[in-house]
Amino acid sequence: GELLSGSTIRTVALGGVALAAMGMMLMLVKRSAKPIELPTAQEVVGLPPALESQSDLVGEADEGAAAMVGIELDDEELKYKKMLEQVQDMVKKSPSDAAALLNRWVATEE
């Protein structure tokens, strides 16, 4: 009768949940308390040497077709900017070739 009342069942269920939570916490504490395994000397021998930190600059990357950070460009705009850079370089290096190219473009437009 009174042994299986609603409040008794709730109390037992709550106690079971509390015990399960405590058990899970103990398992997590055990796992986190394990010592970190360091590599052996044989494993370290195969690793590449650490970089010297005398300079802030680690390496340089070539400029690519990457857009500026924070500005999204679609492929057409990126292609247009790349072509514009190439034409500007051509004008600096060889103005006569650039003029001939410009004349060809104008002729095909007409």
N, C-alpha and C. Protein backbone atom coordinates (compact mmCIF):
# COMPACT_ATOMS: atom_id res chain seq x y z
N GLY A 1 0.77 -1.17 0.00
CA GLY A 1 0.00 0.00 0.00
C GLY A 1 0.83 1.26 0.00
N GLU A 2 1.24 1.61 1.24
CA GLU A 2 1.88 2.91 1.37
C GLU A 2 3.35 2.85 0.97
N LEU A 3 3.91 1.68 0.80
CA LEU A 3 5.31 1.54 0.41
C LEU A 3 5.53 2.02 -1.02
N LEU A 4 4.54 1.88 -1.89
CA LEU A 4 4.68 2.28 -3.28
C LEU A 4 3.92 3.57 -3.58
N SER A 5 3.84 4.47 -2.63
CA SER A 5 3.13 5.72 -2.88
C SER A 5 3.95 6.61 -3.83
N GLY A 6 3.31 7.64 -4.38
CA GLY A 6 3.95 8.52 -5.36
C GLY A 6 5.17 9.23 -4.82
N SER A 7 5.11 9.70 -3.58
CA SER A 7 6.25 10.44 -3.02
C SER A 7 7.43 9.52 -2.76
N THR A 8 7.18 8.27 -2.39
CA THR A 8 8.26 7.32 -2.15
C THR A 8 8.96 6.98 -3.46
N ILE A 9 8.18 6.77 -4.51
CA ILE A 9 8.76 6.45 -5.82
C ILE A 9 9.61 7.62 -6.31
N ARG A 10 9.11 8.84 -6.14
CA ARG A 10 9.87 10.02 -6.57
C ARG A 10 11.18 10.14 -5.79
N THR A 11 11.12 9.88 -4.50
CA THR A 11 12.32 9.98 -3.66
C THR A 11 13.36 8.94 -4.08
N VAL A 12 12.91 7.72 -4.31
CA VAL A 12 13.83 6.65 -4.74
C VAL A 12 14.42 6.98 -6.11
N ALA A 13 13.59 7.47 -7.03
CA ALA A 13 14.08 7.82 -8.37
C ALA A 13 15.09 8.96 -8.29
N LEU A 14 14.80 9.97 -7.47
CA LEU A 14 15.72 11.09 -7.31
C LEU A 14 17.04 10.63 -6.70
N GLY A 15 16.97 9.73 -5.74
CA GLY A 15 18.19 9.17 -5.15
C GLY A 15 19.00 8.40 -6.17
N GLY A 16 18.32 7.63 -7.03
CA GLY A 16 19.01 6.88 -8.08
C GLY A 16 19.70 7.80 -9.07
N VAL A 17 19.02 8.87 -9.46
CA VAL A 17 19.63 9.84 -10.38
C VAL A 17 20.83 10.50 -9.72
N ALA A 18 20.72 10.84 -8.44
CA ALA A 18 21.84 11.46 -7.72
C ALA A 18 23.03 10.51 -7.66
N LEU A 19 22.78 9.22 -7.37
CA LEU A 19 23.87 8.24 -7.33
C LEU A 19 24.54 8.08 -8.70
N ALA A 20 23.73 8.05 -9.75
CA ALA A 20 24.28 7.93 -11.10
C ALA A 20 25.15 9.15 -11.44
N ALA A 21 24.68 10.34 -11.06
CA ALA A 21 25.45 11.55 -11.33
C ALA A 21 26.76 11.54 -10.56
N MET A 22 26.73 11.10 -9.31
CA MET A 22 27.96 11.02 -8.51
C MET A 22 28.94 10.02 -9.13
N GLY A 23 28.42 8.88 -9.58
CA GLY A 23 29.27 7.87 -10.21
C GLY A 23 29.93 8.41 -11.47
N MET A 24 29.16 9.14 -12.28
CA MET A 24 29.74 9.71 -13.50
C MET A 24 30.79 10.75 -13.17
N MET A 25 30.55 11.56 -12.13
CA MET A 25 31.54 12.55 -11.73
C MET A 25 32.83 11.89 -11.27
N LEU A 26 32.71 10.83 -10.50
CA LEU A 26 33.90 10.12 -10.02
C LEU A 26 34.70 9.54 -11.19
N MET A 27 34.01 9.00 -12.20
CA MET A 27 34.71 8.46 -13.37
C MET A 27 35.46 9.57 -14.10
N LEU A 28 34.85 10.74 -14.23
CA LEU A 28 35.51 11.87 -14.89
C LEU A 28 36.73 12.33 -14.11
N VAL A 29 36.62 12.38 -12.79
CA VAL A 29 37.74 12.80 -11.96
C VAL A 29 38.89 11.80 -12.09
N LYS A 30 38.57 10.50 -12.10
CA LYS A 30 39.61 9.48 -12.25
C LYS A 30 40.33 9.64 -13.59
N ARG A 31 39.56 9.87 -14.66
CA ARG A 31 40.16 10.02 -15.99
C ARG A 31 41.06 11.24 -16.07
N SER A 32 40.63 12.34 -15.48
CA SER A 32 41.42 13.57 -15.58
C SER A 32 42.64 13.54 -14.67
N ALA A 33 42.66 12.68 -13.68
CA ALA A 33 43.79 12.61 -12.76
C ALA A 33 44.91 11.71 -13.27
N LYS A 34 44.71 11.02 -14.39
CA LYS A 34 45.75 10.15 -14.93
C LYS A 34 46.94 11.01 -15.37
N PRO A 35 48.17 10.54 -15.14
CA PRO A 35 49.34 11.31 -15.58
C PRO A 35 49.43 11.33 -17.11
N ILE A 36 49.97 12.41 -17.62
CA ILE A 36 50.13 12.56 -19.07
C ILE A 36 51.32 11.71 -19.50
N GLU A 37 51.12 10.93 -20.54
CA GLU A 37 52.20 10.09 -21.04
C GLU A 37 53.11 10.91 -21.94
N LEU A 38 54.38 11.03 -21.55
CA LEU A 38 55.35 11.77 -22.35
C LEU A 38 55.99 10.81 -23.35
N PRO A 39 56.40 11.33 -24.51
CA PRO A 39 57.03 10.45 -25.50
C PRO A 39 58.40 9.97 -25.01
N THR A 40 58.76 8.78 -25.45
CA THR A 40 60.06 8.23 -25.07
C THR A 40 61.15 8.91 -25.89
N ALA A 41 62.39 8.66 -25.51
CA ALA A 41 63.52 9.26 -26.22
C ALA A 41 63.56 8.79 -27.68
N GLN A 42 63.21 7.53 -27.93
CA GLN A 42 63.21 7.01 -29.29
C GLN A 42 62.16 7.72 -30.14
N GLU A 43 61.01 8.03 -29.56
CA GLU A 43 59.96 8.72 -30.30
C GLU A 43 60.35 10.17 -30.59
N VAL A 44 61.06 10.80 -29.65
CA VAL A 44 61.45 12.20 -29.81
C VAL A 44 62.52 12.35 -30.89
N VAL A 45 63.38 11.34 -31.05
CA VAL A 45 64.46 11.40 -32.04
C VAL A 45 63.91 11.63 -33.44
N GLY A 46 62.76 11.07 -33.74
CA GLY A 46 62.19 11.20 -35.08
C GLY A 46 61.50 12.53 -35.33
N LEU A 47 61.32 13.36 -34.31
CA LEU A 47 60.62 14.63 -34.48
C LEU A 47 61.55 15.67 -35.09
N PRO A 48 61.03 16.58 -35.90
CA PRO A 48 61.87 17.65 -36.46
C PRO A 48 62.28 18.61 -35.35
N PRO A 49 63.41 19.31 -35.53
CA PRO A 49 63.87 20.24 -34.49
C PRO A 49 62.91 21.41 -34.33
N ALA A 50 62.87 21.95 -33.13
CA ALA A 50 62.00 23.10 -32.86
C ALA A 50 62.56 24.34 -33.56
N LEU A 51 61.67 25.23 -33.96
CA LEU A 51 62.10 26.47 -34.61
C LEU A 51 62.72 27.41 -33.60
N GLU A 52 63.73 28.16 -34.04
CA GLU A 52 64.32 29.17 -33.17
C GLU A 52 63.39 30.36 -33.10
N SER A 53 63.25 30.90 -31.90
CA SER A 53 62.31 32.01 -31.73
C SER A 53 63.02 33.35 -31.66
N GLN A 54 64.10 33.53 -32.43
CA GLN A 54 64.82 34.80 -32.43
C GLN A 54 64.05 35.85 -33.21
N SER A 55 63.22 35.42 -34.09
CA SER A 55 62.49 36.35 -34.94
C SER A 55 61.00 36.13 -34.77
N ASP A 56 60.25 37.21 -34.85
CA ASP A 56 58.79 37.08 -34.79
C ASP A 56 58.25 36.46 -36.06
N LEU A 57 58.97 36.64 -37.16
CA LEU A 57 58.51 36.17 -38.46
C LEU A 57 58.97 34.73 -38.66
N VAL A 58 58.03 33.82 -38.78
CA VAL A 58 58.36 32.41 -38.95
C VAL A 58 58.64 32.12 -40.41
N GLY A 59 57.82 32.65 -41.28
CA GLY A 59 57.99 32.41 -42.71
C GLY A 59 57.14 33.38 -43.48
N GLU A 60 57.38 33.45 -44.76
CA GLU A 60 56.58 34.33 -45.60
C GLU A 60 55.84 33.49 -46.62
N ALA A 61 54.64 33.89 -46.90
CA ALA A 61 53.84 33.20 -47.91
C ALA A 61 53.74 34.10 -49.13
N ASP A 62 53.75 33.48 -50.30
CA ASP A 62 53.55 34.26 -51.52
C ASP A 62 52.14 34.81 -51.54
N GLU A 63 52.01 35.96 -52.18
CA GLU A 63 50.67 36.50 -52.35
C GLU A 63 49.94 35.63 -53.34
N GLY A 64 48.73 35.29 -52.98
CA GLY A 64 47.94 34.45 -53.87
C GLY A 64 46.70 35.18 -54.31
N ALA A 65 45.73 34.43 -54.69
CA ALA A 65 44.47 35.01 -55.15
C ALA A 65 43.50 35.17 -53.98
N ALA A 66 44.02 35.16 -52.76
CA ALA A 66 43.14 35.27 -51.59
C ALA A 66 42.62 36.68 -51.45
N ALA A 67 41.37 36.79 -51.08
CA ALA A 67 40.75 38.10 -50.89
C ALA A 67 41.15 38.65 -49.53
N MET A 68 40.96 39.95 -49.35
CA MET A 68 41.28 40.58 -48.08
C MET A 68 40.32 40.06 -47.01
N VAL A 69 40.81 40.02 -45.79
CA VAL A 69 40.00 39.54 -44.68
C VAL A 69 38.83 40.48 -44.45
N GLY A 70 37.65 39.93 -44.29
CA GLY A 70 36.47 40.73 -43.99
C GLY A 70 35.73 41.20 -45.21
N ILE A 71 36.30 41.05 -46.39
CA ILE A 71 35.62 41.47 -47.62
C ILE A 71 35.42 40.24 -48.48
N GLU A 72 34.17 39.93 -48.76
CA GLU A 72 33.89 38.77 -49.59
C GLU A 72 33.76 39.20 -51.04
N LEU A 73 34.47 38.51 -51.91
CA LEU A 73 34.43 38.79 -53.33
C LEU A 73 33.98 37.53 -54.05
N ASP A 74 33.17 37.69 -55.06
CA ASP A 74 32.80 36.52 -55.83
C ASP A 74 33.90 36.25 -56.86
N ASP A 75 33.78 35.15 -57.57
CA ASP A 75 34.83 34.74 -58.50
C ASP A 75 35.04 35.75 -59.62
N GLU A 76 33.97 36.35 -60.10
CA GLU A 76 34.09 37.33 -61.19
C GLU A 76 34.91 38.54 -60.75
N GLU A 77 34.61 39.07 -59.56
CA GLU A 77 35.34 40.23 -59.06
C GLU A 77 36.80 39.88 -58.83
N LEU A 78 37.05 38.70 -58.30
CA LEU A 78 38.42 38.26 -58.06
C LEU A 78 39.18 38.13 -59.38
N LYS A 79 38.53 37.57 -60.38
CA LYS A 79 39.13 37.41 -61.71
C LYS A 79 39.44 38.79 -62.32
N TYR A 80 38.49 39.72 -62.15
CA TYR A 80 38.66 41.07 -62.68
C TYR A 80 39.84 41.77 -62.01
N LYS A 81 39.94 41.66 -60.68
CA LYS A 81 41.04 42.29 -59.96
C LYS A 81 42.38 41.70 -60.38
N LYS A 82 42.42 40.39 -60.56
CA LYS A 82 43.66 39.73 -60.97
C LYS A 82 44.08 40.20 -62.36
N MET A 83 43.10 40.30 -63.28
CA MET A 83 43.40 40.77 -64.63
C MET A 83 43.89 42.22 -64.58
N LEU A 84 43.28 43.04 -63.75
CA LEU A 84 43.68 44.44 -63.62
C LEU A 84 45.12 44.54 -63.12
N GLU A 85 45.48 43.72 -62.14
CA GLU A 85 46.85 43.70 -61.63
C GLU A 85 47.83 43.30 -62.73
N GLN A 86 47.45 42.31 -63.54
CA GLN A 86 48.33 41.86 -64.62
C GLN A 86 48.52 42.96 -65.66
N VAL A 87 47.44 43.67 -65.98
CA VAL A 87 47.54 44.75 -66.96
C VAL A 87 48.41 45.88 -66.40
N GLN A 88 48.25 46.20 -65.13
CA GLN A 88 49.07 47.25 -64.52
C GLN A 88 50.54 46.86 -64.54
N ASP A 89 50.85 45.60 -64.25
CA ASP A 89 52.24 45.14 -64.33
C ASP A 89 52.76 45.24 -65.75
N MET A 90 51.91 44.88 -66.72
CA MET A 90 52.32 44.94 -68.12
C MET A 90 52.61 46.38 -68.54
N VAL A 91 51.78 47.33 -68.08
CA VAL A 91 51.98 48.74 -68.42
C VAL A 91 53.31 49.23 -67.85
N LYS A 92 53.64 48.80 -66.64
CA LYS A 92 54.91 49.22 -66.02
C LYS A 92 56.10 48.63 -66.75
N LYS A 93 56.01 47.35 -67.12
CA LYS A 93 57.15 46.65 -67.72
C LYS A 93 57.29 46.94 -69.21
N SER A 94 56.18 46.97 -69.92
CA SER A 94 56.24 47.12 -71.37
C SER A 94 55.04 47.94 -71.85
N PRO A 95 55.17 49.27 -71.85
CA PRO A 95 54.05 50.12 -72.25
C PRO A 95 53.58 49.87 -73.69
N SER A 96 54.49 49.56 -74.60
CA SER A 96 54.09 49.36 -76.00
C SER A 96 53.23 48.10 -76.15
N ASP A 97 53.59 47.03 -75.45
CA ASP A 97 52.77 45.81 -75.49
C ASP A 97 51.40 46.07 -74.86
N ALA A 98 51.38 46.85 -73.79
CA ALA A 98 50.11 47.17 -73.14
C ALA A 98 49.22 47.98 -74.08
N ALA A 99 49.81 48.92 -74.83
CA ALA A 99 49.03 49.72 -75.78
C ALA A 99 48.47 48.83 -76.89
N ALA A 100 49.27 47.89 -77.38
CA ALA A 100 48.79 46.97 -78.42
C ALA A 100 47.63 46.12 -77.89
N LEU A 101 47.74 45.65 -76.66
CA LEU A 101 46.67 44.86 -76.06
C LEU A 101 45.40 45.69 -75.91
N LEU A 102 45.55 46.92 -75.47
CA LEU A 102 44.40 47.81 -75.31
C LEU A 102 43.73 48.08 -76.65
N ASN A 103 44.53 48.28 -77.70
CA ASN A 103 43.97 48.49 -79.05
C ASN A 103 43.20 47.26 -79.51
N ARG A 104 43.71 46.06 -79.22
CA ARG A 104 43.00 44.84 -79.60
C ARG A 104 41.66 44.75 -78.87
N TRP A 105 41.65 45.09 -77.57
CA TRP A 105 40.42 45.04 -76.80
C TRP A 105 39.39 46.03 -77.35
N VAL A 106 39.86 47.23 -77.69
CA VAL A 106 38.95 48.25 -78.22
C VAL A 106 38.40 47.80 -79.57
N ALA A 107 39.26 47.20 -80.39
CA ALA A 107 38.84 46.74 -81.72
C ALA A 107 37.79 45.63 -81.61
N THR A 108 37.92 44.74 -80.65
CA THR A 108 36.94 43.65 -80.50
C THR A 108 35.63 44.16 -79.91
N GLU A 109 35.66 45.25 -79.16
CA GLU A 109 34.45 45.83 -78.59
C GLU A 109 33.60 46.51 -79.66
N GLU A 110 34.24 47.05 -80.68
CA GLU A 110 33.51 47.79 -81.72
C GLU A 110 32.95 46.85 -82.71
